[in-house]
Amino acid sequence: MSTPEVQAESARAPVPERPTEKRVRKHPGRQALPAELPRVEQVIACTPEQCICAGCGKETAVIGHEESE
């Protein structure tokens, strides 16, 4: 850099620091469904072929459950 550039750079105001704290907005999420809506329970069972382990031939166990509205 040349001398005039250095002098101009030193005369400049310092760059403001970035805030370290991020502003976090609270997400409103989903609204609750109306209570008068009918609730339908739907159980989807596996087929007899899917309920038997292909490796050992024993009955399989339930390892998960999913619930949604």
PDB file of N, CA and C in Angstrom:
ATOM      1  N   MET A   1       0.835  -1.182   0.000  1.00  0.00           N
ATOM      2  CA  MET A   1       0.000   0.000   0.000  1.00  0.00           C
ATOM      3  C   MET A   1       0.878   1.243   0.000  1.00  0.00           C
ATOM      4  N   SER A   2       0.341   2.253  -0.609  1.00  0.00           N
ATOM      5  CA  SER A   2       1.073   3.516  -0.624  1.00  0.00           C
ATOM      6  C   SER A   2       0.751   4.298   0.648  1.00  0.00           C
ATOM      7  N   THR A   3       1.526   5.301   0.915  1.00  0.00           N
ATOM      8  CA  THR A   3       1.365   6.111   2.122  1.00  0.00           C
ATOM      9  C   THR A   3      -0.005   6.780   2.189  1.00  0.00           C
ATOM     10  N   PRO A   4      -0.532   7.372   1.124  1.00  0.00           N
ATOM     11  CA  PRO A   4      -1.873   7.983   1.222  1.00  0.00           C
ATOM     12  C   PRO A   4      -2.950   6.942   1.560  1.00  0.00           C
ATOM     13  N   GLU A   5      -2.795   5.743   1.025  1.00  0.00           N
ATOM     14  CA  GLU A   5      -3.776   4.692   1.327  1.00  0.00           C
ATOM     15  C   GLU A   5      -3.733   4.308   2.804  1.00  0.00           C
ATOM     16  N   VAL A   6      -2.540   4.187   3.339  1.00  0.00           N
ATOM     17  CA  VAL A   6      -2.365   3.834   4.744  1.00  0.00           C
ATOM     18  C   VAL A   6      -2.954   4.917   5.629  1.00  0.00           C
ATOM     19  N   GLN A   7      -2.702   6.179   5.290  1.00  0.00           N
ATOM     20  CA  GLN A   7      -3.227   7.276   6.083  1.00  0.00           C
ATOM     21  C   GLN A   7      -4.755   7.324   6.013  1.00  0.00           C
ATOM     22  N   ALA A   8      -5.317   7.090   4.834  1.00  0.00           N
ATOM     23  CA  ALA A   8      -6.779   7.100   4.685  1.00  0.00           C
ATOM     24  C   ALA A   8      -7.394   5.947   5.476  1.00  0.00           C
ATOM     25  N   GLU A   9      -6.731   4.821   5.454  1.00  0.00           N
ATOM     26  CA  GLU A   9      -7.236   3.645   6.174  1.00  0.00           C
ATOM     27  C   GLU A   9      -7.168   3.873   7.678  1.00  0.00           C
ATOM     28  N   SER A  10      -6.131   4.501   8.171  1.00  0.00           N
ATOM     29  CA  SER A  10      -6.007   4.736   9.614  1.00  0.00           C
ATOM     30  C   SER A  10      -6.980   5.817  10.087  1.00  0.00           C
ATOM     31  N   ALA A  11      -7.401   6.709   9.211  1.00  0.00           N
ATOM     32  CA  ALA A  11      -8.344   7.759   9.572  1.00  0.00           C
ATOM     33  C   ALA A  11      -9.783   7.259   9.582  1.00  0.00           C
ATOM     34  N   ARG A  12      -9.995   6.110   8.977  1.00  0.00           N
ATOM     35  CA  ARG A  12     -11.352   5.560   8.909  1.00  0.00           C
ATOM     36  C   ARG A  12     -11.832   5.095  10.272  1.00  0.00           C
ATOM     37  N   ALA A  13     -13.129   5.171  10.482  1.00  0.00           N
ATOM     38  CA  ALA A  13     -13.710   4.711  11.753  1.00  0.00           C
ATOM     39  C   ALA A  13     -13.592   3.191  11.843  1.00  0.00           C
ATOM     40  N   PRO A  14     -13.409   2.666  13.034  1.00  0.00           N
ATOM     41  CA  PRO A  14     -13.293   1.208  13.168  1.00  0.00           C
ATOM     42  C   PRO A  14     -14.595   0.511  12.775  1.00  0.00           C
ATOM     43  N   VAL A  15     -14.432  -0.683  12.250  1.00  0.00           N
ATOM     44  CA  VAL A  15     -15.585  -1.492  11.837  1.00  0.00           C
ATOM     45  C   VAL A  15     -16.295  -1.994  13.092  1.00  0.00           C
ATOM     46  N   PRO A  16     -17.617  -1.803  13.178  1.00  0.00           N
ATOM     47  CA  PRO A  16     -18.322  -2.275  14.382  1.00  0.00           C
ATOM     48  C   PRO A  16     -18.269  -3.806  14.466  1.00  0.00           C
ATOM     49  N   GLU A  17     -18.140  -4.280  15.692  1.00  0.00           N
ATOM     50  CA  GLU A  17     -18.079  -5.727  15.902  1.00  0.00           C
ATOM     51  C   GLU A  17     -19.452  -6.339  15.715  1.00  0.00           C
ATOM     52  N   ARG A  18     -19.463  -7.550  15.236  1.00  0.00           N
ATOM     53  CA  ARG A  18     -20.722  -8.270  15.077  1.00  0.00           C
ATOM     54  C   ARG A  18     -21.202  -8.728  16.449  1.00  0.00           C
ATOM     55  N   PRO A  19     -22.508  -8.673  16.661  1.00  0.00           N
ATOM     56  CA  PRO A  19     -23.007  -9.159  17.961  1.00  0.00           C
ATOM     57  C   PRO A  19     -22.795 -10.675  18.059  1.00  0.00           C
ATOM     58  N   THR A  20     -22.347 -11.101  19.214  1.00  0.00           N
ATOM     59  CA  THR A  20     -22.102 -12.535  19.403  1.00  0.00           C
ATOM     60  C   THR A  20     -23.391 -13.271  19.715  1.00  0.00           C
ATOM     61  N   GLU A  21     -24.382 -12.542  20.169  1.00  0.00           N
ATOM     62  CA  GLU A  21     -25.652 -13.149  20.549  1.00  0.00           C
ATOM     63  C   GLU A  21     -26.615 -13.078  19.370  1.00  0.00           C
ATOM     64  N   LYS A  22     -27.166 -14.221  18.983  1.00  0.00           N
ATOM     65  CA  LYS A  22     -28.126 -14.229  17.887  1.00  0.00           C
ATOM     66  C   LYS A  22     -29.520 -14.032  18.452  1.00  0.00           C
ATOM     67  N   ARG A  23     -30.321 -13.291  17.710  1.00  0.00           N
ATOM     68  CA  ARG A  23     -31.701 -13.075  18.123  1.00  0.00           C
ATOM     69  C   ARG A  23     -32.491 -14.335  17.739  1.00  0.00           C
ATOM     70  N   VAL A  24     -33.154 -14.921  18.689  1.00  0.00           N
ATOM     71  CA  VAL A  24     -33.913 -16.141  18.454  1.00  0.00           C
ATOM     72  C   VAL A  24     -35.390 -15.805  18.489  1.00  0.00           C
ATOM     73  N   ARG A  25     -36.065 -16.105  17.386  1.00  0.00           N
ATOM     74  CA  ARG A  25     -37.507 -15.904  17.346  1.00  0.00           C
ATOM     75  C   ARG A  25     -38.187 -17.169  17.812  1.00  0.00           C
ATOM     76  N   LYS A  26     -39.198 -16.990  18.607  1.00  0.00           N
ATOM     77  CA  LYS A  26     -39.951 -18.145  19.071  1.00  0.00           C
ATOM     78  C   LYS A  26     -40.960 -18.519  17.989  1.00  0.00           C
ATOM     79  N   HIS A  27     -40.876 -19.755  17.527  1.00  0.00           N
ATOM     80  CA  HIS A  27     -41.788 -20.230  16.494  1.00  0.00           C
ATOM     81  C   HIS A  27     -43.138 -20.506  17.129  1.00  0.00           C
ATOM     82  N   PRO A  28     -44.213 -20.012  16.526  1.00  0.00           N
ATOM     83  CA  PRO A  28     -45.522 -20.198  17.149  1.00  0.00           C
ATOM     84  C   PRO A  28     -45.994 -21.645  17.141  1.00  0.00           C
ATOM     85  N   GLY A  29     -45.461 -22.464  16.247  1.00  0.00           N
ATOM     86  CA  GLY A  29     -45.880 -23.866  16.192  1.00  0.00           C
ATOM     87  C   GLY A  29     -47.254 -24.003  15.567  1.00  0.00           C
ATOM     88  N   ARG A  30     -47.745 -25.190  15.571  1.00  0.00           N
ATOM     89  CA  ARG A  30     -49.066 -25.430  15.001  1.00  0.00           C
ATOM     90  C   ARG A  30     -50.140 -25.104  16.016  1.00  0.00           C
ATOM     91  N   GLN A  31     -51.260 -24.651  15.487  1.00  0.00           N
ATOM     92  CA  GLN A  31     -52.409 -24.377  16.327  1.00  0.00           C
ATOM     93  C   GLN A  31     -53.042 -25.712  16.736  1.00  0.00           C
ATOM     94  N   ALA A  32     -53.642 -25.758  17.890  1.00  0.00           N
ATOM     95  CA  ALA A  32     -54.338 -26.967  18.333  1.00  0.00           C
ATOM     96  C   ALA A  32     -55.585 -27.164  17.481  1.00  0.00           C
ATOM     97  N   LEU A  33     -55.891 -28.412  17.185  1.00  0.00           N
ATOM     98  CA  LEU A  33     -57.094 -28.709  16.411  1.00  0.00           C
ATOM     99  C   LEU A  33     -58.323 -28.528  17.301  1.00  0.00           C
ATOM    100  N   PRO A  34     -59.458 -28.169  16.710  1.00  0.00           N
ATOM    101  CA  PRO A  34     -60.676 -27.997  17.510  1.00  0.00           C
ATOM    102  C   PRO A  34     -61.071 -29.291  18.217  1.00  0.00           C
ATOM    103  N   ALA A  35     -61.551 -29.178  19.444  1.00  0.00           N
ATOM    104  CA  ALA A  35     -61.906 -30.344  20.255  1.00  0.00           C
ATOM    105  C   ALA A  35     -63.096 -31.102  19.672  1.00  0.00           C
ATOM    106  N   GLU A  36     -63.949 -30.418  18.906  1.00  0.00           N
ATOM    107  CA  GLU A  36     -65.134 -31.101  18.373  1.00  0.00           C
ATOM    108  C   GLU A  36     -64.834 -31.976  17.152  1.00  0.00           C
ATOM    109  N   LEU A  37     -63.619 -31.910  16.637  1.00  0.00           N
ATOM    110  CA  LEU A  37     -63.272 -32.792  15.515  1.00  0.00           C
ATOM    111  C   LEU A  37     -63.225 -34.240  15.998  1.00  0.00           C
ATOM    112  N   PRO A  38     -63.735 -35.168  15.186  1.00  0.00           N
ATOM    113  CA  PRO A  38     -63.687 -36.574  15.611  1.00  0.00           C
ATOM    114  C   PRO A  38     -62.249 -37.100  15.560  1.00  0.00           C
ATOM    115  N   ARG A  39     -61.897 -37.893  16.529  1.00  0.00           N
ATOM    116  CA  ARG A  39     -60.581 -38.534  16.568  1.00  0.00           C
ATOM    117  C   ARG A  39     -60.743 -39.956  16.052  1.00  0.00           C
ATOM    118  N   VAL A  40     -59.920 -40.329  15.111  1.00  0.00           N
ATOM    119  CA  VAL A  40     -60.002 -41.658  14.513  1.00  0.00           C
ATOM    120  C   VAL A  40     -58.708 -42.393  14.823  1.00  0.00           C
ATOM    121  N   GLU A  41     -58.829 -43.517  15.489  1.00  0.00           N
ATOM    122  CA  GLU A  41     -57.661 -44.334  15.777  1.00  0.00           C
ATOM    123  C   GLU A  41     -57.539 -45.365  14.672  1.00  0.00           C
ATOM    124  N   GLN A  42     -56.384 -45.402  14.043  1.00  0.00           N
ATOM    125  CA  GLN A  42     -56.169 -46.320  12.941  1.00  0.00           C
ATOM    126  C   GLN A  42     -54.934 -47.161  13.255  1.00  0.00           C
ATOM    127  N   VAL A  43     -55.143 -48.456  13.402  1.00  0.00           N
ATOM    128  CA  VAL A  43     -54.054 -49.380  13.674  1.00  0.00           C
ATOM    129  C   VAL A  43     -53.765 -50.124  12.374  1.00  0.00           C
ATOM    130  N   ILE A  44     -52.548 -50.000  11.908  1.00  0.00           N
ATOM    131  CA  ILE A  44     -52.156 -50.674  10.679  1.00  0.00           C
ATOM    132  C   ILE A  44     -51.274 -51.857  11.074  1.00  0.00           C
ATOM    133  N   ALA A  45     -51.841 -53.025  10.983  1.00  0.00           N
ATOM    134  CA  ALA A  45     -51.116 -54.240  11.364  1.00  0.00           C
ATOM    135  C   ALA A  45     -50.300 -54.752  10.181  1.00  0.00           C
ATOM    136  N   CYS A  46     -49.239 -55.453  10.492  1.00  0.00           N
ATOM    137  CA  CYS A  46     -48.423 -56.030   9.426  1.00  0.00           C
ATOM    138  C   CYS A  46     -49.084 -57.307   8.895  1.00  0.00           C
ATOM    139  N   THR A  47     -48.687 -57.665   7.693  1.00  0.00           N
ATOM    140  CA  THR A  47     -49.205 -58.898   7.104  1.00  0.00           C
ATOM    141  C   THR A  47     -48.570 -60.080   7.833  1.00  0.00           C
ATOM    142  N   PRO A  48     -49.173 -61.268   7.771  1.00  0.00           N
ATOM    143  CA  PRO A  48     -48.578 -62.435   8.448  1.00  0.00           C
ATOM    144  C   PRO A  48     -47.137 -62.702   8.014  1.00  0.00           C
ATOM    145  N   GLU A  49     -46.832 -62.415   6.753  1.00  0.00           N
ATOM    146  CA  GLU A  49     -45.448 -62.627   6.287  1.00  0.00           C
ATOM    147  C   GLU A  49     -44.484 -61.634   6.931  1.00  0.00           C
ATOM    148  N   GLN A  50     -44.955 -60.420   7.204  1.00  0.00           N
ATOM    149  CA  GLN A  50     -44.107 -59.396   7.809  1.00  0.00           C
ATOM    150  C   GLN A  50     -43.939 -59.604   9.309  1.00  0.00           C
ATOM    151  N   CYS A  51     -44.818 -60.371   9.941  1.00  0.00           N
ATOM    152  CA  CYS A  51     -44.763 -60.583  11.381  1.00  0.00           C
ATOM    153  C   CYS A  51     -43.809 -61.719  11.770  1.00  0.00           C
ATOM    154  N   ILE A  52     -43.226 -62.378  10.786  1.00  0.00           N
ATOM    155  CA  ILE A  52     -42.292 -63.482  11.047  1.00  0.00           C
ATOM    156  C   ILE A  52     -40.911 -63.046  10.569  1.00  0.00           C
ATOM    157  N   CYS A  53     -39.916 -63.235  11.420  1.00  0.00           N
ATOM    158  CA  CYS A  53     -38.542 -62.886  11.090  1.00  0.00           C
ATOM    159  C   CYS A  53     -38.031 -63.814   9.982  1.00  0.00           C
ATOM    160  N   ALA A  54     -37.478 -63.226   8.928  1.00  0.00           N
ATOM    161  CA  ALA A  54     -36.955 -64.020   7.813  1.00  0.00           C
ATOM    162  C   ALA A  54     -35.681 -64.769   8.209  1.00  0.00           C
ATOM    163  N   GLY A  55     -34.978 -64.265   9.207  1.00  0.00           N
ATOM    164  CA  GLY A  55     -33.719 -64.893   9.620  1.00  0.00           C
ATOM    165  C   GLY A  55     -33.907 -66.092  10.530  1.00  0.00           C
ATOM    166  N   CYS A  56     -34.743 -65.936  11.577  1.00  0.00           N
ATOM    167  CA  CYS A  56     -34.861 -67.010  12.570  1.00  0.00           C
ATOM    168  C   CYS A  56     -36.234 -67.673  12.569  1.00  0.00           C
ATOM    169  N   GLY A  57     -37.221 -67.067  11.923  1.00  0.00           N
ATOM    170  CA  GLY A  57     -38.551 -67.670  11.854  1.00  0.00           C
ATOM    171  C   GLY A  57     -39.440 -67.379  13.049  1.00  0.00           C
ATOM    172  N   LYS A  58     -38.955 -66.584  14.020  1.00  0.00           N
ATOM    173  CA  LYS A  58     -39.758 -66.247  15.199  1.00  0.00           C
ATOM    174  C   LYS A  58     -40.630 -65.031  14.907  1.00  0.00           C
ATOM    175  N   GLU A  59     -41.653 -64.850  15.746  1.00  0.00           N
ATOM    176  CA  GLU A  59     -42.540 -63.700  15.601  1.00  0.00           C
ATOM    177  C   GLU A  59     -41.771 -62.424  15.947  1.00  0.00           C
ATOM    178  N   THR A  60     -41.979 -61.378  15.142  1.00  0.00           N
ATOM    179  CA  THR A  60     -41.279 -60.114  15.378  1.00  0.00           C
ATOM    180  C   THR A  60     -41.950 -59.318  16.503  1.00  0.00           C
ATOM    181  N   ALA A  61     -41.205 -58.415  17.100  1.00  0.00           N
ATOM    182  CA  ALA A  61     -41.718 -57.582  18.194  1.00  0.00           C
ATOM    183  C   ALA A  61     -41.954 -56.157  17.676  1.00  0.00           C
ATOM    184  N   VAL A  62     -42.867 -55.446  18.269  1.00  0.00           N
ATOM    185  CA  VAL A  62     -43.126 -54.061  17.912  1.00  0.00           C
ATOM    186  C   VAL A  62     -41.985 -53.212  18.476  1.00  0.00           C
ATOM    187  N   ILE A  63     -41.324 -52.453  17.594  1.00  0.00           N
ATOM    188  CA  ILE A  63     -40.208 -51.633  18.061  1.00  0.00           C
ATOM    189  C   ILE A  63     -40.476 -50.144  17.857  1.00  0.00           C
ATOM    190  N   GLY A  64     -41.674 -49.805  17.411  1.00  0.00           N
ATOM    191  CA  GLY A  64     -41.981 -48.392  17.203  1.00  0.00           C
ATOM    192  C   GLY A  64     -43.464 -48.138  17.240  1.00  0.00           C
ATOM    193  N   HIS A  65     -43.798 -46.888  17.507  1.00  0.00           N
ATOM    194  CA  HIS A  65     -45.184 -46.461  17.585  1.00  0.00           C
ATOM    195  C   HIS A  65     -45.225 -45.019  17.127  1.00  0.00           C
ATOM    196  N   GLU A  66     -46.156 -44.685  16.254  1.00  0.00           N
ATOM    197  CA  GLU A  66     -46.252 -43.328  15.757  1.00  0.00           C
ATOM    198  C   GLU A  66     -47.651 -42.802  15.973  1.00  0.00           C
ATOM    199  N   GLU A  67     -47.741 -41.560  16.433  1.00  0.00           N
ATOM    200  CA  GLU A  67     -49.025 -40.949  16.705  1.00  0.00           C
ATOM    201  C   GLU A  67     -49.027 -39.566  16.078  1.00  0.00           C
ATOM    202  N   SER A  68     -50.112 -39.215  15.389  1.00  0.00           N
ATOM    203  CA  SER A  68     -50.203 -37.886  14.802  1.00  0.00           C
ATOM    204  C   SER A  68     -51.652 -37.447  14.724  1.00  0.00           C
ATOM    205  N   GLU A  69     -51.846 -36.138  14.531  1.00  0.00           N
ATOM    206  CA  GLU A  69     -53.190 -35.589  14.366  1.00  0.00           C
ATOM    207  C   GLU A  69     -53.289 -35.025  12.970  1.00  0.00           C
TER     208      GLU A  69
END
